[in-house]
Amino acid sequence: MGDIVARISQVIDRTKHEVLALILTEQQTKTEGETKPNEQPGAVGQEWMTITELAVYLRLFNKDGEPTTAGIKSWVRRESNPIPHYYCGDLLRFKPREVDEWMRQESLRRGSGRKRLKAVG
């Protein structure tokens, strides 16, 4: 019984994080006017993402379920193999397809060639 309760708790936590990310993205979309209201970050046809949208796309959340951009900012500043990025004035922008390719290359560059993502649950 304890195992099932733990698994249910994991599913609920994961769902909570995804819902919070969707709400945050929707709020940002309304304030920035960058995407259509029903368009998800990284969706086909969305060419540019903000740093917060990229954090949601990569599922980078802090313990409170809010997207965190600190890791992305450090990847941008790297001298060797930085994450592909562009500036619109002083605002960072990212192309989902380029980020996906960078992630594949980064995994290979780090030497394993293995997929490091683990299934939860």
Protein backbone atom coordinates (compact mmCIF):
# COMPACT_ATOMS: atom_id res chain seq x y z
CA MET A 1 0.00 0.00 0.00
CA GLY A 2 2.85 2.40 0.86
CA ASP A 3 4.40 1.93 -2.58
CA ILE A 4 1.18 2.84 -4.36
CA VAL A 5 0.72 5.92 -2.18
CA ALA A 6 4.28 7.05 -3.02
CA ARG A 7 3.69 6.52 -6.74
CA ILE A 8 0.39 8.43 -6.62
CA SER A 9 2.15 11.25 -4.79
CA GLN A 10 4.83 11.39 -7.54
CA VAL A 11 2.16 11.58 -10.26
CA ILE A 12 0.33 14.36 -8.41
CA ASP A 13 3.57 16.32 -7.90
CA ARG A 14 4.53 15.95 -11.55
CA THR A 15 1.06 17.05 -12.64
CA LYS A 16 1.18 20.05 -10.29
CA HIS A 17 4.50 21.16 -11.81
CA GLU A 18 3.17 20.86 -15.35
CA VAL A 19 -0.02 22.80 -14.51
CA LEU A 20 1.98 25.57 -12.84
CA ALA A 21 4.27 25.75 -15.87
CA LEU A 22 1.27 26.03 -18.20
CA ILE A 23 -0.25 28.80 -16.07
CA LEU A 24 3.03 30.71 -15.96
CA THR A 25 3.51 30.36 -19.70
CA GLU A 26 -0.06 31.55 -20.31
CA GLN A 27 0.49 34.59 -18.09
CA GLN A 28 3.77 35.43 -19.79
CA THR A 29 2.17 35.00 -23.20
CA LYS A 30 -0.53 37.52 -22.31
CA THR A 31 2.00 40.07 -21.06
CA GLU A 32 4.53 39.65 -23.87
CA GLY A 33 2.16 38.84 -26.72
CA GLU A 34 4.73 36.50 -28.27
CA THR A 35 2.66 33.39 -28.86
CA LYS A 36 -0.93 32.48 -29.48
CA PRO A 37 -2.82 31.69 -26.26
CA ASN A 38 -3.14 27.97 -27.00
CA GLU A 39 0.38 27.51 -28.34
CA GLN A 40 2.76 25.58 -26.11
CA PRO A 41 6.47 26.40 -25.75
CA GLY A 42 8.45 24.56 -28.37
CA ALA A 43 5.33 23.71 -30.36
CA VAL A 44 5.61 23.17 -34.08
CA GLY A 45 5.44 26.56 -35.73
CA GLN A 46 6.75 28.47 -32.70
CA GLU A 47 10.11 29.68 -33.88
CA TRP A 48 11.28 31.65 -30.84
CA MET A 49 11.10 31.04 -27.09
CA THR A 50 11.89 33.28 -24.14
CA ILE A 51 14.22 32.00 -21.43
CA THR A 52 11.23 31.17 -19.20
CA GLU A 53 9.49 29.32 -22.00
CA LEU A 54 12.71 27.37 -22.58
CA ALA A 55 12.84 26.45 -18.88
CA VAL A 56 9.28 25.10 -19.15
CA TYR A 57 10.13 23.31 -22.40
CA LEU A 58 13.13 21.64 -20.73
CA ARG A 59 11.10 21.07 -17.54
CA LEU A 60 13.51 22.95 -15.30
CA PHE A 61 11.58 23.76 -12.12
CA ASN A 62 12.59 24.76 -8.61
CA LYS A 63 11.19 23.10 -5.49
CA ASP A 64 8.15 25.41 -5.61
CA GLY A 65 7.26 24.29 -9.12
CA GLU A 66 8.32 27.54 -10.79
CA PRO A 67 10.50 27.49 -13.92
CA THR A 68 14.14 28.21 -13.12
CA THR A 69 16.45 29.87 -15.62
CA ALA A 70 19.77 29.88 -13.73
CA GLY A 71 21.07 26.79 -15.54
CA ILE A 72 20.12 28.18 -18.93
CA LYS A 73 21.90 31.46 -18.17
CA SER A 74 25.07 29.57 -17.27
CA TRP A 75 24.81 27.53 -20.50
CA VAL A 76 24.56 30.81 -22.45
CA ARG A 77 27.73 32.17 -20.78
CA ARG A 78 29.82 29.03 -21.40
CA GLU A 79 32.91 29.58 -23.50
CA SER A 80 32.89 26.02 -24.82
CA ASN A 81 29.73 24.84 -26.59
CA PRO A 82 27.20 27.39 -25.28
CA ILE A 83 23.50 26.73 -25.81
CA PRO A 84 22.39 28.34 -29.12
CA HIS A 85 20.82 31.70 -28.37
CA TYR A 86 20.02 35.06 -29.89
CA TYR A 87 19.37 38.52 -28.55
CA CYS A 88 16.41 40.72 -29.31
CA GLY A 89 17.77 43.91 -27.79
CA ASP A 90 18.87 42.68 -24.38
CA LEU A 91 16.34 39.82 -24.26
CA LEU A 92 17.50 36.24 -24.84
CA ARG A 93 15.64 34.15 -27.39
CA PHE A 94 15.99 30.47 -28.34
CA LYS A 95 14.91 28.26 -31.24
CA PRO A 96 13.50 24.92 -30.00
CA ARG A 97 14.99 22.84 -32.82
CA GLU A 98 18.47 24.27 -32.25
CA VAL A 99 18.19 23.61 -28.51
CA ASP A 100 17.14 20.00 -29.18
CA GLU A 101 20.15 19.48 -31.43
CA TRP A 102 22.46 21.14 -28.90
CA MET A 103 21.17 18.77 -26.20
CA ARG A 104 21.95 15.75 -28.39
CA GLN A 105 25.42 17.06 -29.18
CA GLU A 106 26.06 17.97 -25.54
CA SER A 107 25.20 14.44 -24.46
CA LEU A 108 27.67 13.03 -26.98
CA ARG A 109 30.30 15.64 -26.10
CA ARG A 110 30.13 14.66 -22.45
CA GLY A 111 31.30 11.25 -23.53
CA SER A 112 28.59 8.78 -22.81
CA GLY A 113 26.42 8.84 -25.88
CA ARG A 114 23.83 7.24 -23.61
CA LYS A 115 20.52 8.82 -22.84
CA ARG A 116 20.73 10.12 -19.31
CA LEU A 117 17.05 10.81 -18.73
CA LYS A 118 15.38 8.38 -16.36
CA ALA A 119 11.75 7.43 -16.39
CA VAL A 120 9.91 8.35 -13.20
CA GLY A 121 7.29 6.04 -11.80
